[in-house]
Amino acid sequence: MSDTTLFACPKCGHQTLIPLSEVKTNKDLIPFPCRNCGRLFTDHDVRSQSGEIAEKLLREAIGKLKF
C-alpha cells in the first residue's frame, strides 16, 4: 500500500503528492494550495478525488490477499 497519494488540481491539472500519514479526514487537507497555480482545493475537490483514491487503495489491498 502506498504511503502517499496524488491530488490533481482542478484548474491546471498539476498533481500534488500528499503523505497519507498527515491525513485523517478531508478537513486535514482543506484548504491547501496547488503548488503550480496556487488555486486552493475546496472540500468538493477533495471529496471528489477521495473516492477514487479509496477505491485504488482497496484494490491494492485486496490484490495482496491470499485466498
Protein backbone atom coordinates (compact mmCIF):
# COMPACT_ATOMS: atom_id res chain seq x y z
CA MET A 1 0.00 0.00 0.00
CA SER A 2 1.22 3.46 -0.85
CA ASP A 3 2.28 5.96 1.85
CA THR A 4 1.39 8.92 -0.36
CA THR A 5 -1.31 9.85 -2.81
CA LEU A 6 -1.72 12.38 -5.60
CA PHE A 7 -4.38 15.06 -5.79
CA ALA A 8 -4.83 16.71 -9.19
CA CYS A 9 -5.58 20.43 -9.34
CA PRO A 10 -8.97 21.03 -11.00
CA LYS A 11 -7.63 24.23 -12.58
CA CYS A 12 -4.24 23.29 -14.07
CA GLY A 13 -4.05 19.50 -13.58
CA HIS A 14 -0.81 19.64 -11.59
CA GLN A 15 -0.53 16.68 -9.25
CA THR A 16 0.38 17.34 -5.63
CA LEU A 17 1.82 14.48 -3.59
CA ILE A 18 0.23 14.21 -0.13
CA PRO A 19 1.65 11.97 2.63
CA LEU A 20 -1.22 9.82 3.94
CA SER A 21 0.27 9.88 7.43
CA GLU A 22 -0.69 13.57 7.63
CA VAL A 23 -4.33 12.98 6.63
CA LYS A 24 -7.01 11.63 8.96
CA THR A 25 -10.05 13.40 7.47
CA ASN A 26 -10.81 15.66 4.49
CA LYS A 27 -10.59 18.64 6.82
CA ASP A 28 -6.86 17.99 7.22
CA LEU A 29 -6.44 18.86 3.53
CA ILE A 30 -8.62 21.94 3.22
CA PRO A 31 -7.58 24.40 2.10
CA PHE A 32 -4.28 23.54 0.50
CA PRO A 33 -2.84 25.36 -2.49
CA CYS A 34 -1.83 23.83 -5.78
CA ARG A 35 1.95 24.08 -5.92
CA ASN A 36 1.75 25.04 -9.58
CA CYS A 37 -1.03 27.65 -9.94
CA GLY A 38 -1.89 28.45 -6.30
CA ARG A 39 -5.60 27.54 -6.56
CA LEU A 40 -6.95 26.44 -3.19
CA PHE A 41 -8.52 23.00 -3.11
CA THR A 42 -12.08 23.05 -1.82
CA ASP A 43 -13.97 20.46 0.19
CA HIS A 44 -15.71 19.40 -3.04
CA ASP A 45 -12.36 18.95 -4.83
CA VAL A 46 -11.03 16.72 -2.06
CA ARG A 47 -14.23 14.70 -1.70
CA SER A 48 -14.49 14.00 -5.41
CA GLN A 49 -10.93 12.68 -5.57
CA SER A 50 -11.06 10.87 -2.21
CA GLY A 51 -13.47 8.25 -3.52
CA GLU A 52 -11.13 7.42 -6.38
CA ILE A 53 -8.15 7.25 -4.02
CA ALA A 54 -10.02 4.98 -1.57
CA GLU A 55 -11.01 2.65 -4.40
CA LYS A 56 -7.39 2.43 -5.59
CA LEU A 57 -6.12 1.67 -2.07
CA LEU A 58 -8.78 -1.03 -1.59
CA ARG A 59 -7.90 -2.66 -4.91
CA GLU A 60 -4.21 -2.69 -3.92
CA ALA A 61 -5.02 -4.24 -0.53
CA ILE A 62 -7.36 -6.87 -1.99
CA GLY A 63 -4.77 -7.74 -4.62
CA LYS A 64 -2.32 -8.62 -1.84
CA LEU A 65 -4.73 -11.02 -0.10
CA LYS A 66 -4.00 -14.70 -0.44
CA PHE A 67 -7.00 -16.95 -0.85
